[in-house]
PDB file of N, CA and C in Angstrom:
ATOM      1  N   MET A   1       4.947  -6.652 -10.407  1.00  0.00           N
ATOM      2  CA  MET A   1       5.881  -6.750  -9.312  1.00  0.00           C
ATOM      3  C   MET A   1       6.142  -5.362  -8.744  1.00  0.00           C
ATOM      4  N   SER A   2       6.067  -5.254  -7.442  1.00  0.00           N
ATOM      5  CA  SER A   2       6.291  -3.978  -6.771  1.00  0.00           C
ATOM      6  C   SER A   2       7.777  -3.706  -6.603  1.00  0.00           C
ATOM      7  N   ARG A   3       8.113  -2.405  -6.694  1.00  0.00           N
ATOM      8  CA  ARG A   3       9.504  -1.990  -6.510  1.00  0.00           C
ATOM      9  C   ARG A   3       9.553  -0.785  -5.589  1.00  0.00           C
ATOM     10  N   ILE A   4      10.424  -0.852  -4.591  1.00  0.00           N
ATOM     11  CA  ILE A   4      10.650   0.277  -3.695  1.00  0.00           C
ATOM     12  C   ILE A   4      11.900   0.996  -4.178  1.00  0.00           C
ATOM     13  N   LEU A   5      11.726   2.248  -4.584  1.00  0.00           N
ATOM     14  CA  LEU A   5      12.839   3.074  -5.030  1.00  0.00           C
ATOM     15  C   LEU A   5      13.112   4.148  -3.975  1.00  0.00           C
ATOM     16  N   LYS A   6      14.082   5.005  -4.224  1.00  0.00           N
ATOM     17  CA  LYS A   6      14.455   6.024  -3.243  1.00  0.00           C
ATOM     18  C   LYS A   6      13.301   6.969  -2.906  1.00  0.00           C
ATOM     19  N   ASP A   7      12.571   7.438  -3.926  1.00  0.00           N
ATOM     20  CA  ASP A   7      11.541   8.449  -3.696  1.00  0.00           C
ATOM     21  C   ASP A   7      10.138   8.020  -4.117  1.00  0.00           C
ATOM     22  N   LYS A   8       9.978   6.752  -4.558  1.00  0.00           N
ATOM     23  CA  LYS A   8       8.658   6.281  -4.965  1.00  0.00           C
ATOM     24  C   LYS A   8       8.559   4.766  -4.860  1.00  0.00           C
ATOM     25  N   ILE A   9       7.318   4.294  -4.885  1.00  0.00           N
ATOM     26  CA  ILE A   9       7.040   2.860  -4.889  1.00  0.00           C
ATOM     27  C   ILE A   9       6.160   2.586  -6.096  1.00  0.00           C
ATOM     28  N   GLU A  10       6.561   1.634  -6.913  1.00  0.00           N
ATOM     29  CA  GLU A  10       5.801   1.272  -8.110  1.00  0.00           C
ATOM     30  C   GLU A  10       5.119  -0.076  -7.906  1.00  0.00           C
ATOM     31  N   GLY A  11       3.951  -0.238  -8.535  1.00  0.00           N
ATOM     32  CA  GLY A  11       3.275  -1.531  -8.532  1.00  0.00           C
ATOM     33  C   GLY A  11       2.390  -1.790  -7.337  1.00  0.00           C
ATOM     34  N   LEU A  12       1.712  -0.762  -6.847  1.00  0.00           N
ATOM     35  CA  LEU A  12       0.800  -0.929  -5.720  1.00  0.00           C
ATOM     36  C   LEU A  12      -0.650  -0.834  -6.184  1.00  0.00           C
ATOM     37  N   TYR A  13      -1.538  -1.436  -5.423  1.00  0.00           N
ATOM     38  CA  TYR A  13      -2.969  -1.207  -5.618  1.00  0.00           C
ATOM     39  C   TYR A  13      -3.311   0.136  -5.000  1.00  0.00           C
ATOM     40  N   CYS A  14      -4.330   0.790  -5.560  1.00  0.00           N
ATOM     41  CA  CYS A  14      -4.856   2.036  -5.008  1.00  0.00           C
ATOM     42  C   CYS A  14      -6.359   2.010  -5.234  1.00  0.00           C
ATOM     43  N   LYS A  15      -7.079   2.887  -4.541  1.00  0.00           N
ATOM     44  CA  LYS A  15      -8.530   2.942  -4.749  1.00  0.00           C
ATOM     45  C   LYS A  15      -8.886   3.407  -6.157  1.00  0.00           C
ATOM     46  N   CYS A  16      -7.914   3.989  -6.892  1.00  0.00           N
ATOM     47  CA  CYS A  16      -8.178   4.465  -8.251  1.00  0.00           C
ATOM     48  C   CYS A  16      -7.790   3.449  -9.327  1.00  0.00           C
ATOM     49  N   THR A  17      -7.290   2.272  -8.929  1.00  0.00           N
ATOM     50  CA  THR A  17      -6.844   1.281  -9.910  1.00  0.00           C
ATOM     51  C   THR A  17      -7.540  -0.063  -9.697  1.00  0.00           C
ATOM     52  N   LYS A  18      -7.601  -0.857 -10.752  1.00  0.00           N
ATOM     53  CA  LYS A  18      -8.184  -2.198 -10.671  1.00  0.00           C
ATOM     54  C   LYS A  18      -7.123  -3.267 -10.486  1.00  0.00           C
ATOM     55  N   SER A  19      -5.862  -2.891 -10.633  1.00  0.00           N
ATOM     56  CA  SER A  19      -4.771  -3.851 -10.446  1.00  0.00           C
ATOM     57  C   SER A  19      -3.600  -3.138  -9.769  1.00  0.00           C
ATOM     58  N   ASP A  20      -2.491  -3.826  -9.646  1.00  0.00           N
ATOM     59  CA  ASP A  20      -1.336  -3.279  -8.929  1.00  0.00           C
ATOM     60  C   ASP A  20      -0.419  -2.479  -9.851  1.00  0.00           C
ATOM     61  N   VAL A  21      -0.919  -1.355 -10.320  1.00  0.00           N
ATOM     62  CA  VAL A  21      -0.171  -0.516 -11.266  1.00  0.00           C
ATOM     63  C   VAL A  21       0.093   0.902 -10.747  1.00  0.00           C
ATOM     64  N   ALA A  22      -0.416   1.239  -9.587  1.00  0.00           N
ATOM     65  CA  ALA A  22      -0.279   2.608  -9.074  1.00  0.00           C
ATOM     66  C   ALA A  22       1.152   2.899  -8.637  1.00  0.00           C
ATOM     67  N   ILE A  23       1.515   4.161  -8.744  1.00  0.00           N
ATOM     68  CA  ILE A  23       2.817   4.646  -8.304  1.00  0.00           C
ATOM     69  C   ILE A  23       2.571   5.653  -7.179  1.00  0.00           C
ATOM     70  N   PHE A  24       3.251   5.449  -6.066  1.00  0.00           N
ATOM     71  CA  PHE A  24       3.132   6.343  -4.914  1.00  0.00           C
ATOM     72  C   PHE A  24       4.464   7.034  -4.683  1.00  0.00           C
ATOM     73  N   ASN A  25       4.427   8.357  -4.476  1.00  0.00           N
ATOM     74  CA  ASN A  25       5.611   9.093  -4.055  1.00  0.00           C
ATOM     75  C   ASN A  25       5.783   8.901  -2.557  1.00  0.00           C
ATOM     76  N   ILE A  26       7.029   8.767  -2.108  1.00  0.00           N
ATOM     77  CA  ILE A  26       7.320   8.638  -0.678  1.00  0.00           C
ATOM     78  C   ILE A  26       7.594  10.033  -0.134  1.00  0.00           C
ATOM     79  N   LEU A  27       6.760  10.444   0.829  1.00  0.00           N
ATOM     80  CA  LEU A  27       6.924  11.750   1.463  1.00  0.00           C
ATOM     81  C   LEU A  27       7.402  11.539   2.902  1.00  0.00           C
ATOM     82  N   GLU A  28       7.513  12.611   3.664  1.00  0.00           N
ATOM     83  CA  GLU A  28       8.088  12.527   5.015  1.00  0.00           C
ATOM     84  C   GLU A  28       7.312  11.609   5.956  1.00  0.00           C
ATOM     85  N   ASP A  29       5.986  11.707   5.962  1.00  0.00           N
ATOM     86  CA  ASP A  29       5.183  10.926   6.909  1.00  0.00           C
ATOM     87  C   ASP A  29       4.025  10.188   6.234  1.00  0.00           C
ATOM     88  N   ARG A  30       4.149   9.950   4.914  1.00  0.00           N
ATOM     89  CA  ARG A  30       3.070   9.290   4.173  1.00  0.00           C
ATOM     90  C   ARG A  30       3.569   8.915   2.786  1.00  0.00           C
ATOM     91  N   ILE A  31       2.733   8.159   2.075  1.00  0.00           N
ATOM     92  CA  ILE A  31       2.959   7.950   0.646  1.00  0.00           C
ATOM     93  C   ILE A  31       1.731   8.509  -0.073  1.00  0.00           C
ATOM     94  N   LYS A  32       1.910   8.967  -1.318  1.00  0.00           N
ATOM     95  CA  LYS A  32       0.833   9.642  -2.036  1.00  0.00           C
ATOM     96  C   LYS A  32       0.777   9.154  -3.474  1.00  0.00           C
ATOM     97  N   CYS A  33      -0.426   8.707  -3.913  1.00  0.00           N
ATOM     98  CA  CYS A  33      -0.630   8.232  -5.280  1.00  0.00           C
ATOM     99  C   CYS A  33      -0.442   9.396  -6.255  1.00  0.00           C
ATOM    100  N   ILE A  34       0.342   9.164  -7.298  1.00  0.00           N
ATOM    101  CA  ILE A  34       0.583  10.245  -8.254  1.00  0.00           C
ATOM    102  C   ILE A  34      -0.619  10.498  -9.151  1.00  0.00           C
ATOM    103  N   TRP A  35      -1.558   9.545  -9.225  1.00  0.00           N
ATOM    104  CA  TRP A  35      -2.710   9.696 -10.119  1.00  0.00           C
ATOM    105  C   TRP A  35      -3.919  10.334  -9.446  1.00  0.00           C
ATOM    106  N   CYS A  36      -4.281   9.860  -8.255  1.00  0.00           N
ATOM    107  CA  CYS A  36      -5.512  10.375  -7.628  1.00  0.00           C
ATOM    108  C   CYS A  36      -5.249  11.196  -6.371  1.00  0.00           C
ATOM    109  N   GLY A  37      -4.016  11.187  -5.871  1.00  0.00           N
ATOM    110  CA  GLY A  37      -3.697  11.958  -4.669  1.00  0.00           C
ATOM    111  C   GLY A  37      -4.017  11.242  -3.370  1.00  0.00           C
ATOM    112  N   ASN A  38      -4.434   9.979  -3.431  1.00  0.00           N
ATOM    113  CA  ASN A  38      -4.722   9.194  -2.233  1.00  0.00           C
ATOM    114  C   ASN A  38      -3.486   9.162  -1.342  1.00  0.00           C
ATOM    115  N   GLU A  39      -3.647   9.570  -0.074  1.00  0.00           N
ATOM    116  CA  GLU A  39      -2.527   9.595   0.860  1.00  0.00           C
ATOM    117  C   GLU A  39      -2.673   8.503   1.901  1.00  0.00           C
ATOM    118  N   ILE A  40      -1.586   7.799   2.163  1.00  0.00           N
ATOM    119  CA  ILE A  40      -1.540   6.734   3.159  1.00  0.00           C
ATOM    120  C   ILE A  40      -0.543   7.165   4.226  1.00  0.00           C
ATOM    121  N   LYS A  41      -1.022   7.384   5.460  1.00  0.00           N
ATOM    122  CA  LYS A  41      -0.140   7.772   6.557  1.00  0.00           C
ATOM    123  C   LYS A  41       0.718   6.577   6.947  1.00  0.00           C
ATOM    124  N   CYS A  42       2.013   6.806   7.074  1.00  0.00           N
ATOM    125  CA  CYS A  42       2.948   5.748   7.457  1.00  0.00           C
ATOM    126  C   CYS A  42       4.240   6.391   7.954  1.00  0.00           C
ATOM    127  N   ASN A  43       5.201   5.553   8.306  1.00  0.00           N
ATOM    128  CA  ASN A  43       6.494   6.020   8.791  1.00  0.00           C
ATOM    129  C   ASN A  43       7.601   5.501   7.883  1.00  0.00           C
ATOM    130  N   PRO A  44       7.900   6.224   6.791  1.00  0.00           N
ATOM    131  CA  PRO A  44       8.979   5.782   5.905  1.00  0.00           C
ATOM    132  C   PRO A  44      10.297   5.683   6.665  1.00  0.00           C
ATOM    133  N   PRO A  45      11.228   4.872   6.222  1.00  0.00           N
ATOM    134  CA  PRO A  45      11.221   4.173   4.950  1.00  0.00           C
ATOM    135  C   PRO A  45      10.307   2.945   4.962  1.00  0.00           C
ATOM    136  N   ILE A  46       9.827   2.592   3.781  1.00  0.00           N
ATOM    137  CA  ILE A  46       9.002   1.406   3.610  1.00  0.00           C
ATOM    138  C   ILE A  46       9.945   0.207   3.546  1.00  0.00           C
ATOM    139  N   GLU A  47       9.707  -0.752   4.413  1.00  0.00           N
ATOM    140  CA  GLU A  47      10.607  -1.895   4.538  1.00  0.00           C
ATOM    141  C   GLU A  47      10.256  -3.036   3.584  1.00  0.00           C
ATOM    142  N   PHE A  48       8.947  -3.239   3.347  1.00  0.00           N
ATOM    143  CA  PHE A  48       8.528  -4.430   2.629  1.00  0.00           C
ATOM    144  C   PHE A  48       7.132  -4.210   2.063  1.00  0.00           C
ATOM    145  N   ILE A  49       6.777  -4.962   1.015  1.00  0.00           N
ATOM    146  CA  ILE A  49       5.441  -4.910   0.415  1.00  0.00           C
ATOM    147  C   ILE A  49       4.910  -6.335   0.313  1.00  0.00           C
ATOM    148  N   ARG A  50       3.634  -6.515   0.696  1.00  0.00           N
ATOM    149  CA  ARG A  50       2.990  -7.824   0.577  1.00  0.00           C
ATOM    150  C   ARG A  50       1.707  -7.664  -0.216  1.00  0.00           C
ATOM    151  N   LYS A  51       1.360  -8.679  -0.991  1.00  0.00           N
ATOM    152  CA  LYS A  51       0.085  -8.705  -1.706  1.00  0.00           C
ATOM    153  C   LYS A  51      -0.806  -9.724  -1.024  1.00  0.00           C
ATOM    154  N   GLU A  52      -1.957  -9.258  -0.560  1.00  0.00           N
ATOM    155  CA  GLU A  52      -2.908 -10.091   0.159  1.00  0.00           C
ATOM    156  C   GLU A  52      -4.310  -9.557  -0.086  1.00  0.00           C
ATOM    157  N   ALA A  53      -5.300 -10.319   0.343  1.00  0.00           N
ATOM    158  CA  ALA A  53      -6.677  -9.841   0.313  1.00  0.00           C
ATOM    159  C   ALA A  53      -6.921  -9.023   1.581  1.00  0.00           C
ATOM    160  N   CYS A  54      -7.695  -7.969   1.444  1.00  0.00           N
ATOM    161  CA  CYS A  54      -7.971  -7.074   2.570  1.00  0.00           C
ATOM    162  C   CYS A  54      -9.405  -7.292   3.060  1.00  0.00           C
ATOM    163  N   VAL A  55      -9.564  -7.512   4.342  1.00  0.00           N
ATOM    164  CA  VAL A  55     -10.886  -7.726   4.934  1.00  0.00           C
ATOM    165  C   VAL A  55     -11.761  -6.488   4.760  1.00  0.00           C
ATOM    166  N   ASP A  56     -11.206  -5.300   5.002  1.00  0.00           N
ATOM    167  CA  ASP A  56     -11.985  -4.060   4.900  1.00  0.00           C
ATOM    168  C   ASP A  56     -12.314  -3.673   3.464  1.00  0.00           C
ATOM    169  N   CYS A  57     -11.590  -4.213   2.499  1.00  0.00           N
ATOM    170  CA  CYS A  57     -11.870  -3.949   1.081  1.00  0.00           C
ATOM    171  C   CYS A  57     -12.699  -5.088   0.490  1.00  0.00           C
ATOM    172  N   GLU A  58     -13.520  -5.709   1.312  1.00  0.00           N
ATOM    173  CA  GLU A  58     -14.427  -6.786   0.899  1.00  0.00           C
ATOM    174  C   GLU A  58     -13.689  -7.964   0.280  1.00  0.00           C
ATOM    175  N   GLY A  59     -12.514  -8.272   0.812  1.00  0.00           N
ATOM    176  CA  GLY A  59     -11.753  -9.426   0.354  1.00  0.00           C
ATOM    177  C   GLY A  59     -11.041  -9.240  -0.970  1.00  0.00           C
ATOM    178  N   MET A  60     -11.024  -8.005  -1.482  1.00  0.00           N
ATOM    179  CA  MET A  60     -10.340  -7.744  -2.755  1.00  0.00           C
ATOM    180  C   MET A  60      -8.832  -7.804  -2.559  1.00  0.00           C
ATOM    181  N   LYS A  61      -8.116  -8.161  -3.633  1.00  0.00           N
ATOM    182  CA  LYS A  61      -6.661  -8.148  -3.575  1.00  0.00           C
ATOM    183  C   LYS A  61      -6.186  -6.722  -3.319  1.00  0.00           C
ATOM    184  N   SER A  62      -5.103  -6.609  -2.574  1.00  0.00           N
ATOM    185  CA  SER A  62      -4.507  -5.312  -2.304  1.00  0.00           C
ATOM    186  C   SER A  62      -3.027  -5.510  -2.014  1.00  0.00           C
ATOM    187  N   THR A  63      -2.342  -4.395  -1.865  1.00  0.00           N
ATOM    188  CA  THR A  63      -0.959  -4.434  -1.425  1.00  0.00           C
ATOM    189  C   THR A  63      -0.898  -3.810  -0.038  1.00  0.00           C
ATOM    190  N   PHE A  64      -0.010  -4.319   0.764  1.00  0.00           N
ATOM    191  CA  PHE A  64       0.207  -3.804   2.107  1.00  0.00           C
ATOM    192  C   PHE A  64       1.657  -3.378   2.217  1.00  0.00           C
ATOM    193  N   ILE A  65       1.865  -2.161   2.713  1.00  0.00           N
ATOM    194  CA  ILE A  65       3.227  -1.719   2.972  1.00  0.00           C
ATOM    195  C   ILE A  65       3.534  -2.015   4.434  1.00  0.00           C
ATOM    196  N   ILE A  66       4.758  -2.372   4.711  1.00  0.00           N
ATOM    197  CA  ILE A  66       5.232  -2.513   6.077  1.00  0.00           C
ATOM    198  C   ILE A  66       6.244  -1.393   6.263  1.00  0.00           C
ATOM    199  N   ASP A  67       5.920  -0.473   7.192  1.00  0.00           N
ATOM    200  CA  ASP A  67       6.774   0.699   7.361  1.00  0.00           C
ATOM    201  C   ASP A  67       7.874   0.448   8.386  1.00  0.00           C
ATOM    202  N   SER A  68       8.611   1.485   8.736  1.00  0.00           N
ATOM    203  CA  SER A  68       9.769   1.356   9.624  1.00  0.00           C
ATOM    204  C   SER A  68       9.396   0.934  11.042  1.00  0.00           C
ATOM    205  N   THR A  69       8.133   1.105  11.429  1.00  0.00           N
ATOM    206  CA  THR A  69       7.693   0.687  12.764  1.00  0.00           C
ATOM    207  C   THR A  69       7.137  -0.738  12.755  1.00  0.00           C
ATOM    208  N   GLY A  70       7.060  -1.351  11.568  1.00  0.00           N
ATOM    209  CA  GLY A  70       6.524  -2.704  11.448  1.00  0.00           C
ATOM    210  C   GLY A  70       5.022  -2.742  11.244  1.00  0.00           C
ATOM    211  N   GLN A  71       4.397  -1.586  11.105  1.00  0.00           N
ATOM    212  CA  GLN A  71       2.956  -1.513  10.902  1.00  0.00           C
ATOM    213  C   GLN A  71       2.613  -1.905   9.467  1.00  0.00           C
ATOM    214  N   LYS A  72       1.570  -2.736   9.308  1.00  0.00           N
ATOM    215  CA  LYS A  72       1.114  -3.174   7.985  1.00  0.00           C
ATOM    216  C   LYS A  72      -0.105  -2.340   7.606  1.00  0.00           C
ATOM    217  N   ILE A  73      -0.038  -1.671   6.434  1.00  0.00           N
ATOM    218  CA  ILE A  73      -1.089  -0.736   6.022  1.00  0.00           C
ATOM    219  C   ILE A  73      -1.533  -1.060   4.605  1.00  0.00           C
ATOM    220  N   CYS A  74      -2.852  -1.168   4.406  1.00  0.00           N
ATOM    221  CA  CYS A  74      -3.429  -1.435   3.084  1.00  0.00           C
ATOM    222  C   CYS A  74      -3.307  -0.185   2.221  1.00  0.00           C
ATOM    223  N   THR A  75      -2.794  -0.338   0.995  1.00  0.00           N
ATOM    224  CA  THR A  75      -2.655   0.824   0.109  1.00  0.00           C
ATOM    225  C   THR A  75      -3.948   1.150  -0.623  1.00  0.00           C
ATOM    226  N   ARG A  76      -4.946   0.279  -0.541  1.00  0.00           N
ATOM    227  CA  ARG A  76      -6.233   0.540  -1.176  1.00  0.00           C
ATOM    228  C   ARG A  76      -7.131   1.374  -0.253  1.00  0.00           C
ATOM    229  N   CYS A  77      -7.242   0.985   1.036  1.00  0.00           N
ATOM    230  CA  CYS A  77      -8.136   1.705   1.951  1.00  0.00           C
ATOM    231  C   CYS A  77      -7.392   2.540   2.992  1.00  0.00           C
ATOM    232  N   GLY A  78      -6.105   2.292   3.203  1.00  0.00           N
ATOM    233  CA  GLY A  78      -5.282   3.146   4.049  1.00  0.00           C
ATOM    234  C   GLY A  78      -5.290   2.883   5.531  1.00  0.00           C
ATOM    235  N   SER A  79      -5.963   1.853   5.991  1.00  0.00           N
ATOM    236  CA  SER A  79      -5.974   1.615   7.433  1.00  0.00           C
ATOM    237  C   SER A  79      -5.060   0.460   7.813  1.00  0.00           C
ATOM    238  N   PRO A  80      -4.544   0.505   9.041  1.00  0.00           N
ATOM    239  CA  PRO A  80      -3.687  -0.588   9.510  1.00  0.00           C
ATOM    240  C   PRO A  80      -4.466  -1.899   9.549  1.00  0.00           C
ATOM    241  N   LYS A  81      -3.801  -2.987   9.243  1.00  0.00           N
ATOM    242  CA  LYS A  81      -4.482  -4.276   9.163  1.00  0.00           C
ATOM    243  C   LYS A  81      -3.919  -5.257  10.167  1.00  0.00           C
ATOM    244  N   TYR A  82      -4.836  -5.959  10.781  1.00  0.00           N
ATOM    245  CA  TYR A  82      -4.470  -7.021  11.704  1.00  0.00           C
ATOM    246  C   TYR A  82      -5.117  -8.330  11.299  1.00  0.00           C
ATOM    247  N   LYS A  83      -6.249  -8.253  10.553  1.00  0.00           N
ATOM    248  CA  LYS A  83      -6.939  -9.438  10.069  1.00  0.00           C
ATOM    249  C   LYS A  83      -6.653  -9.554   8.582  1.00  0.00           C
ATOM    250  N   ILE A  84      -6.059 -10.648   8.161  1.00  0.00           N
ATOM    251  CA  ILE A  84      -5.691 -10.836   6.761  1.00  0.00           C
ATOM    252  C   ILE A  84      -6.350 -12.102   6.237  1.00  0.00           C
ATOM    253  N   LEU A  85      -6.905 -12.029   5.022  1.00  0.00           N
ATOM    254  CA  LEU A  85      -7.463 -13.194   4.357  1.00  0.00           C
ATOM    255  C   LEU A  85      -6.426 -13.772   3.401  1.00  0.00           C
ATOM    256  N   LYS A  86      -6.439 -15.049   3.195  1.00  0.00           N
ATOM    257  CA  LYS A  86      -5.558 -15.676   2.213  1.00  0.00           C
ATOM    258  C   LYS A  86      -6.138 -15.449   0.828  1.00  0.00           C
ATOM    259  N   LEU A  87      -5.280 -15.179  -0.166  1.00  0.00           N
ATOM    260  CA  LEU A  87      -5.727 -15.036  -1.543  1.00  0.00           C
ATOM    261  C   LEU A  87      -6.170 -16.394  -2.076  1.00  0.00           C
ATOM    262  N   LYS A  88      -7.196 -16.378  -2.883  1.00  0.00           N
ATOM    263  CA  LYS A  88      -7.688 -17.628  -3.477  1.00  0.00           C
ATOM    264  C   LYS A  88      -7.072 -17.850  -4.819  1.00  0.00           C
TER     265      LYS A  88
END
């Protein structure tokens, strides 16, 4: 289960993990994985987290952050998403 805290987000997928165990620090204009340094450009605060399959990640499960502008961004590949697959 993902948790949004004041300065970090726990329970996200990352390109360095096989499941939703990564922890990202929340910075001014991005979030950053504490393990591999993967940076995801966004506009904090993070409003919501969704778990879905990502089209660009070959249909693999991922987490998507929804930032303050309403943009949905995959935490595995880092690009904004508009096409979403349903999890099987």
